[in-house]
C-alpha cells in the first residue's frame, strides 16, 4: 500500500520535515518534481470514477514483463476497450492477454505511431532490434 494517498499528503509530509526557510527550494527539488506527475491512490480513485474508451499511459499493463496490475485495474474501471503504453518503447504482441485483461493492449515503440486498432503506421525506432532479441 502506498505511503501517501495524494500528492498533497506527500507535500505535507515533506513540509513538516523541512525548515521553513528551505521550503521554497525544496519544492523545486527533483524529488518533489518527480512526484508531481505520479499517480497517487486519490488520483486513481478520481480517474476510476470516469468513463473512457481508450487509455494512453506511460507505464505498461501487467501483460508486459515490467507492467503493473494497477494499470489493468484502472483500465477495467474506466471501461476501456483499448490501452496504449509507451514507457518501454516496445511493440509486444499482447493478443493472448486480451480475454484475461478485458481490453486490448498495445505498446508503442520509440517514436512509433499506431492507429486506434493497434495497426502500426510507423514502427518504433528500436522495434526491429528488440524483435530479434525475443526470437
C-alpha atoms as a PDB file:
ATOM      1  CA  UNK A   1       0.000   0.000   0.000  1.00  0.00           C
ATOM      2  CA  UNK A   2       1.393   3.432  -0.900  1.00  0.00           C
ATOM      3  CA  UNK A   3       2.547   5.577   1.996  1.00  0.00           C
ATOM      4  CA  UNK A   4       0.701   8.691   0.780  1.00  0.00           C
ATOM      5  CA  UNK A   5      -2.854   8.894  -0.538  1.00  0.00           C
ATOM      6  CA  UNK A   6      -2.274  12.080  -2.514  1.00  0.00           C
ATOM      7  CA  UNK A   7       0.348  14.488  -3.763  1.00  0.00           C
ATOM      8  CA  UNK A   8      -0.815  16.957  -1.116  1.00  0.00           C
ATOM      9  CA  UNK A   9      -0.274  14.367   1.647  1.00  0.00           C
ATOM     10  CA  UNK A  10       3.240  13.768   0.323  1.00  0.00           C
ATOM     11  CA  UNK A  11       3.975  17.513   0.197  1.00  0.00           C
ATOM     12  CA  UNK A  12       2.570  17.994   3.709  1.00  0.00           C
ATOM     13  CA  UNK A  13       4.868  15.213   4.939  1.00  0.00           C
ATOM     14  CA  UNK A  14       7.888  16.896   3.348  1.00  0.00           C
ATOM     15  CA  UNK A  15       6.915  20.337   4.605  1.00  0.00           C
ATOM     16  CA  UNK A  16       6.838  19.083   8.214  1.00  0.00           C
ATOM     17  CA  UNK A  17      10.390  17.822   7.785  1.00  0.00           C
ATOM     18  CA  UNK A  18      11.771  20.908   6.036  1.00  0.00           C
ATOM     19  CA  UNK A  19      12.905  24.135   7.663  1.00  0.00           C
ATOM     20  CA  UNK A  20      10.528  26.950   6.615  1.00  0.00           C
ATOM     21  CA  UNK A  21      13.405  28.920   5.090  1.00  0.00           C
ATOM     22  CA  UNK A  22      14.238  25.930   2.851  1.00  0.00           C
ATOM     23  CA  UNK A  23      10.690  25.080   1.708  1.00  0.00           C
ATOM     24  CA  UNK A  24      10.762  27.180  -1.481  1.00  0.00           C
ATOM     25  CA  UNK A  25      13.956  25.439  -2.585  1.00  0.00           C
ATOM     26  CA  UNK A  26      12.640  22.026  -1.538  1.00  0.00           C
ATOM     27  CA  UNK A  27       9.530  22.423  -3.701  1.00  0.00           C
ATOM     28  CA  UNK A  28      11.789  22.667  -6.763  1.00  0.00           C
ATOM     29  CA  UNK A  29      13.897  19.637  -5.870  1.00  0.00           C
ATOM     30  CA  UNK A  30      14.000  16.735  -8.345  1.00  0.00           C
ATOM     31  CA  UNK A  31      12.393  14.509  -5.702  1.00  0.00           C
ATOM     32  CA  UNK A  32       9.312  16.749  -5.468  1.00  0.00           C
ATOM     33  CA  UNK A  33       9.103  17.487  -9.185  1.00  0.00           C
ATOM     34  CA  UNK A  34       9.267  13.752  -9.949  1.00  0.00           C
ATOM     35  CA  UNK A  35       6.163  13.060  -7.882  1.00  0.00           C
ATOM     36  CA  UNK A  36       4.118  15.905  -9.353  1.00  0.00           C
ATOM     37  CA  UNK A  37       3.402  13.511 -12.240  1.00  0.00           C
ATOM     38  CA  UNK A  38       2.933  10.417 -10.053  1.00  0.00           C
ATOM     39  CA  UNK A  39      -0.476   8.811  -9.729  1.00  0.00           C
ATOM     40  CA  UNK A  40      -1.470   8.601  -6.083  1.00  0.00           C
ATOM     41  CA  UNK A  41      -4.403   6.495  -4.801  1.00  0.00           C
ATOM     42  CA  UNK A  42      -6.653   9.577  -4.719  1.00  0.00           C
ATOM     43  CA  UNK A  43      -5.828  10.229  -8.387  1.00  0.00           C
ATOM     44  CA  UNK A  44      -6.625   6.629  -9.318  1.00  0.00           C
ATOM     45  CA  UNK A  45      -9.925   6.796  -7.434  1.00  0.00           C
ATOM     46  CA  UNK A  46     -10.895  10.000  -9.247  1.00  0.00           C
ATOM     47  CA  UNK A  47      -9.932   8.554 -12.624  1.00  0.00           C
ATOM     48  CA  UNK A  48     -11.724   5.265 -11.938  1.00  0.00           C
ATOM     49  CA  UNK A  49     -14.977   7.182 -11.474  1.00  0.00           C
ATOM     50  CA  UNK A  50     -14.763   8.319 -15.118  1.00  0.00           C
ATOM     51  CA  UNK A  51     -15.585   6.520 -18.368  1.00  0.00           C
ATOM     52  CA  UNK A  52     -13.219   6.105 -21.301  1.00  0.00           C
ATOM     53  CA  UNK A  53     -12.926   4.047 -24.448  1.00  0.00           C
ATOM     54  CA  UNK A  54      -9.150   4.379 -24.834  1.00  0.00           C
ATOM     55  CA  UNK A  55      -6.475   4.790 -22.164  1.00  0.00           C
ATOM     56  CA  UNK A  56      -2.987   6.044 -23.011  1.00  0.00           C
ATOM     57  CA  UNK A  57      -0.406   5.531 -20.278  1.00  0.00           C
ATOM     58  CA  UNK A  58       3.283   5.872 -19.747  1.00  0.00           C
ATOM     59  CA  UNK A  59       3.534   2.629 -17.761  1.00  0.00           C
ATOM     60  CA  UNK A  60       2.546  -0.765 -19.150  1.00  0.00           C
ATOM     61  CA  UNK A  61      -0.256  -3.071 -18.021  1.00  0.00           C
ATOM     62  CA  UNK A  62       0.513  -6.401 -16.348  1.00  0.00           C
ATOM     63  CA  UNK A  63       0.818  -8.318 -19.634  1.00  0.00           C
ATOM     64  CA  UNK A  64       4.180  -6.586 -20.178  1.00  0.00           C
ATOM     65  CA  UNK A  65       7.139  -8.175 -18.335  1.00  0.00           C
ATOM     66  CA  UNK A  66       7.638  -4.907 -16.398  1.00  0.00           C
ATOM     67  CA  UNK A  67       3.956  -3.932 -16.292  1.00  0.00           C
ATOM     68  CA  UNK A  68       1.637  -3.128 -13.403  1.00  0.00           C
ATOM     69  CA  UNK A  69      -1.687  -4.681 -12.393  1.00  0.00           C
ATOM     70  CA  UNK A  70      -2.889  -1.286 -11.125  1.00  0.00           C
ATOM     71  CA  UNK A  71      -2.935  -0.129 -14.768  1.00  0.00           C
ATOM     72  CA  UNK A  72      -5.182  -3.120 -15.598  1.00  0.00           C
ATOM     73  CA  UNK A  73      -7.482  -2.233 -12.707  1.00  0.00           C
ATOM     74  CA  UNK A  74      -7.750   1.373 -13.846  1.00  0.00           C
ATOM     75  CA  UNK A  75      -8.458   0.371 -17.449  1.00  0.00           C
ATOM     76  CA  UNK A  76     -11.226  -2.012 -16.355  1.00  0.00           C
ATOM     77  CA  UNK A  77     -12.737   0.585 -14.002  1.00  0.00           C
ATOM     78  CA  UNK A  78     -12.815   3.106 -16.853  1.00  0.00           C
ATOM     79  CA  UNK A  79     -14.392   0.529 -19.173  1.00  0.00           C
ATOM     80  CA  UNK A  80     -11.764   0.997 -21.879  1.00  0.00           C
ATOM     81  CA  UNK A  81     -11.629  -1.304 -24.873  1.00  0.00           C
ATOM     82  CA  UNK A  82      -8.038  -0.396 -25.788  1.00  0.00           C
ATOM     83  CA  UNK A  83      -4.946   0.669 -23.844  1.00  0.00           C
ATOM     84  CA  UNK A  84      -1.714   2.039 -25.302  1.00  0.00           C
ATOM     85  CA  UNK A  85       1.520   2.438 -23.360  1.00  0.00           C
ATOM     86  CA  UNK A  86       4.834   3.901 -24.350  1.00  0.00           C
ATOM     87  CA  UNK A  87       7.340   3.749 -21.488  1.00  0.00           C
ATOM     88  CA  UNK A  88       9.204   0.616 -22.529  1.00  0.00           C
ATOM     89  CA  UNK A  89       9.298   1.678 -26.186  1.00  0.00           C
ATOM     90  CA  UNK A  90       8.487  -1.770 -27.469  1.00  0.00           C
ATOM     91  CA  UNK A  91       5.683  -3.209 -29.503  1.00  0.00           C
ATOM     92  CA  UNK A  92       4.928  -6.611 -27.972  1.00  0.00           C
ATOM     93  CA  UNK A  93       2.081  -8.881 -29.051  1.00  0.00           C
ATOM     94  CA  UNK A  94      -0.422  -8.871 -26.182  1.00  0.00           C
ATOM     95  CA  UNK A  95      -3.246 -10.504 -28.171  1.00  0.00           C
ATOM     96  CA  UNK A  96      -3.077 -13.613 -25.991  1.00  0.00           C
ATOM     97  CA  UNK A  97      -3.858 -11.490 -22.930  1.00  0.00           C
ATOM     98  CA  UNK A  98      -6.964  -9.706 -24.232  1.00  0.00           C
ATOM     99  CA  UNK A  99      -9.511 -12.094 -22.700  1.00  0.00           C
ATOM    100  CA  UNK A 100      -7.854 -12.074 -19.272  1.00  0.00           C
ATOM    101  CA  UNK A 101      -7.357  -8.301 -19.282  1.00  0.00           C
ATOM    102  CA  UNK A 102     -10.793  -7.429 -20.612  1.00  0.00           C
ATOM    103  CA  UNK A 103      -9.319  -4.913 -23.082  1.00  0.00           C
ATOM    104  CA  UNK A 104      -6.809  -4.838 -25.934  1.00  0.00           C
ATOM    105  CA  UNK A 105      -3.321  -3.637 -25.003  1.00  0.00           C
ATOM    106  CA  UNK A 106      -0.673  -2.216 -27.319  1.00  0.00           C
ATOM    107  CA  UNK A 107       2.830  -0.960 -26.726  1.00  0.00           C
ATOM    108  CA  UNK A 108       4.015   1.871 -28.938  1.00  0.00           C
ATOM    109  CA  UNK A 109       7.663   1.788 -29.928  1.00  0.00           C
ATOM    110  CA  UNK A 110      10.075   4.682 -29.581  1.00  0.00           C
ATOM    111  CA  UNK A 111       8.696   7.493 -31.767  1.00  0.00           C
ATOM    112  CA  UNK A 112       6.308   4.977 -33.318  1.00  0.00           C
ATOM    113  CA  UNK A 113       2.771   5.649 -34.488  1.00  0.00           C
ATOM    114  CA  UNK A 114      -0.185   3.263 -34.154  1.00  0.00           C
ATOM    115  CA  UNK A 115      -3.844   3.547 -35.095  1.00  0.00           C
ATOM    116  CA  UNK A 116      -6.653   3.100 -32.582  1.00  0.00           C
ATOM    117  CA  UNK A 117      -6.978  -0.554 -33.601  1.00  0.00           C
ATOM    118  CA  UNK A 118      -3.261  -1.085 -32.899  1.00  0.00           C
ATOM    119  CA  UNK A 119      -2.098  -1.162 -36.509  1.00  0.00           C
ATOM    120  CA  UNK A 120       1.466   0.124 -36.616  1.00  0.00           C
ATOM    121  CA  UNK A 121       1.762   3.004 -39.088  1.00  0.00           C
ATOM    122  CA  UNK A 122       5.331   3.858 -38.192  1.00  0.00           C
ATOM    123  CA  UNK A 123       7.377   1.247 -36.344  1.00  0.00           C
ATOM    124  CA  UNK A 124       9.324   2.380 -33.339  1.00  0.00           C
ATOM    125  CA  UNK A 125      12.985   3.048 -33.961  1.00  0.00           C
ATOM    126  CA  UNK A 126      14.011   0.054 -31.850  1.00  0.00           C
ATOM    127  CA  UNK A 127      11.194  -2.367 -32.745  1.00  0.00           C
ATOM    128  CA  UNK A 128      13.228  -4.442 -35.235  1.00  0.00           C
ATOM    129  CA  UNK A 129      16.232  -4.786 -32.915  1.00  0.00           C
ATOM    130  CA  UNK A 130      14.027  -5.684 -29.947  1.00  0.00           C
ATOM    131  CA  UNK A 131      12.129  -8.259 -32.018  1.00  0.00           C
ATOM    132  CA  UNK A 132      15.430 -10.018 -32.744  1.00  0.00           C
ATOM    133  CA  UNK A 133      16.113 -10.252 -29.008  1.00  0.00           C
ATOM    134  CA  UNK A 134      12.784 -12.044 -28.485  1.00  0.00           C
ATOM    135  CA  UNK A 135      13.405 -14.741 -31.124  1.00  0.00           C
END
